[in-house]
Amino acid sequence: MKALKFKHFPKTEMQLAKEFNNPKVFLYQKSNQHLFFENQLKIIFQYLQNNVATASMVARETGVPQKNICRYKRYLEKAGKLWEVEKKKCKETGAKAWYLTTNPKYLSKFEQLSLF
């Protein structure tokens, strides 16, 4: 029987655990998480450029969780890039909700006058 030859030894469970606790690994994971949320923000912004929808409708169409959409909504509102157009019955949930947009052309005349 021939002896097995390895160019690299297979990693043991202990070595993997040490590598997992390496701060560089966590830094990489953290930066990827930041990119993931940044991409979700871009997806929502682009969707609302072309549509007027509630947070529930955006969640259904984009696949971004509604809780994340609420966070991004607040962020975009503070930045002055998202507006609540009107409050009416949501097509997704049936409850009263604000319809949102990031496109200024969808704003009502009243809101456009109050901006200046």
Protein backbone atom coordinates (compact mmCIF):
# COMPACT_ATOMS: atom_id res chain seq x y z
CA MET A 1 0.00 0.00 0.00
CA LYS A 2 1.37 3.40 -1.02
CA ALA A 3 1.66 6.21 1.46
CA LEU A 4 -0.45 9.24 0.63
CA LYS A 5 1.50 12.35 -0.30
CA PHE A 6 0.03 15.80 0.25
CA LYS A 7 1.43 19.00 -1.09
CA HIS A 8 -0.53 20.78 1.62
CA PHE A 9 -1.83 19.11 4.71
CA PRO A 10 -5.61 19.18 5.02
CA LYS A 11 -6.74 21.68 7.63
CA THR A 12 -7.84 20.26 10.91
CA GLU A 13 -10.85 21.48 12.80
CA MET A 14 -8.57 23.30 15.22
CA GLN A 15 -6.76 25.13 12.42
CA LEU A 16 -10.06 26.19 10.90
CA ALA A 17 -11.23 27.47 14.28
CA LYS A 18 -8.05 29.52 14.68
CA GLU A 19 -8.46 30.92 11.17
CA PHE A 20 -12.09 31.80 11.87
CA ASN A 21 -11.09 33.77 14.97
CA ASN A 22 -8.56 35.72 12.89
CA PRO A 23 -9.51 39.43 12.91
CA LYS A 24 -8.66 39.70 9.20
CA VAL A 25 -11.40 37.19 8.39
CA PHE A 26 -13.95 39.20 10.40
CA LEU A 27 -12.83 42.41 8.70
CA TYR A 28 -13.42 40.78 5.30
CA GLN A 29 -16.86 39.53 6.36
CA LYS A 30 -17.78 42.95 7.74
CA SER A 31 -16.80 44.72 4.52
CA ASN A 32 -18.85 42.25 2.48
CA GLN A 33 -21.86 42.87 4.74
CA HIS A 34 -21.49 46.62 4.13
CA LEU A 35 -21.49 46.01 0.36
CA PHE A 36 -24.58 43.81 0.69
CA PHE A 37 -26.57 46.58 2.42
CA GLU A 38 -25.22 49.22 0.04
CA ASN A 39 -26.48 47.13 -2.89
CA GLN A 40 -29.92 46.83 -1.27
CA LEU A 41 -30.04 50.61 -0.91
CA LYS A 42 -29.19 51.06 -4.60
CA ILE A 43 -31.82 48.49 -5.62
CA ILE A 44 -34.53 50.32 -3.65
CA PHE A 45 -33.46 53.73 -4.93
CA GLN A 46 -33.52 52.54 -8.56
CA TYR A 47 -36.88 50.81 -8.16
CA LEU A 48 -38.45 53.95 -6.69
CA GLN A 49 -37.01 56.07 -9.51
CA ASN A 50 -39.39 54.30 -11.91
CA ASN A 51 -42.28 53.41 -9.57
CA VAL A 52 -44.42 54.84 -6.82
CA ALA A 53 -44.98 52.11 -4.22
CA THR A 54 -45.36 51.33 -0.53
CA ALA A 55 -42.59 49.61 1.45
CA SER A 56 -44.50 46.30 1.27
CA MET A 57 -44.83 46.55 -2.50
CA VAL A 58 -41.12 47.36 -2.85
CA ALA A 59 -40.26 44.36 -0.64
CA ARG A 60 -42.33 42.04 -2.83
CA GLU A 61 -40.84 43.35 -6.09
CA THR A 62 -37.18 43.63 -5.07
CA GLY A 63 -36.81 40.83 -2.52
CA VAL A 64 -35.33 43.22 0.05
CA PRO A 65 -36.83 42.61 3.53
CA GLN A 66 -39.37 45.25 4.59
CA LYS A 67 -37.48 46.01 7.83
CA ASN A 68 -34.42 46.93 5.77
CA ILE A 69 -36.57 49.09 3.49
CA CYS A 70 -37.79 51.08 6.52
CA ARG A 71 -34.19 51.78 7.50
CA TYR A 72 -33.26 52.85 3.97
CA LYS A 73 -36.42 54.97 3.76
CA ARG A 74 -35.35 56.97 6.81
CA TYR A 75 -31.81 57.32 5.44
CA LEU A 76 -33.01 58.55 2.03
CA GLU A 77 -35.58 60.92 3.59
CA LYS A 78 -32.89 62.55 5.73
CA ALA A 79 -30.70 62.90 2.63
CA GLY A 80 -33.62 64.58 0.80
CA LYS A 81 -33.78 61.88 -1.88
CA LEU A 82 -37.07 60.13 -1.01
CA TRP A 83 -40.57 61.56 -0.63
CA GLU A 84 -43.92 60.31 0.61
CA VAL A 85 -46.34 61.08 -2.22
CA GLU A 86 -49.73 60.13 -0.78
CA LYS A 87 -51.27 57.98 1.92
CA LYS A 88 -53.82 55.48 0.66
CA LYS A 89 -54.70 51.78 0.73
CA CYS A 90 -51.73 49.55 -0.08
CA LYS A 91 -52.27 47.08 -2.93
CA GLU A 92 -50.14 44.49 -1.11
CA THR A 93 -51.42 44.61 2.49
CA GLY A 94 -54.77 46.42 2.21
CA ALA A 95 -53.79 48.79 5.03
CA LYS A 96 -53.31 52.54 4.71
CA ALA A 97 -49.68 53.31 3.91
CA TRP A 98 -47.50 55.98 2.36
CA TYR A 99 -46.61 55.64 -1.31
CA LEU A 100 -42.94 56.46 -1.80
CA THR A 101 -40.79 57.72 -4.65
CA THR A 102 -37.25 58.91 -5.29
CA ASN A 103 -38.23 60.63 -8.54
CA PRO A 104 -39.14 64.33 -8.12
CA LYS A 105 -41.47 64.28 -11.14
CA TYR A 106 -43.96 62.17 -9.14
CA LEU A 107 -44.32 64.79 -6.40
CA SER A 108 -47.61 66.61 -6.17
CA LYS A 109 -47.75 70.32 -7.05
CA PHE A 110 -48.40 71.15 -3.39
CA GLU A 111 -45.18 69.47 -2.23
CA GLN A 112 -43.12 71.07 -4.99
CA LEU A 113 -44.31 74.52 -3.90
CA SER A 114 -43.57 73.83 -0.25
CA LEU A 115 -39.98 72.77 -1.03
CA PHE A 116 -38.99 76.32 -1.92
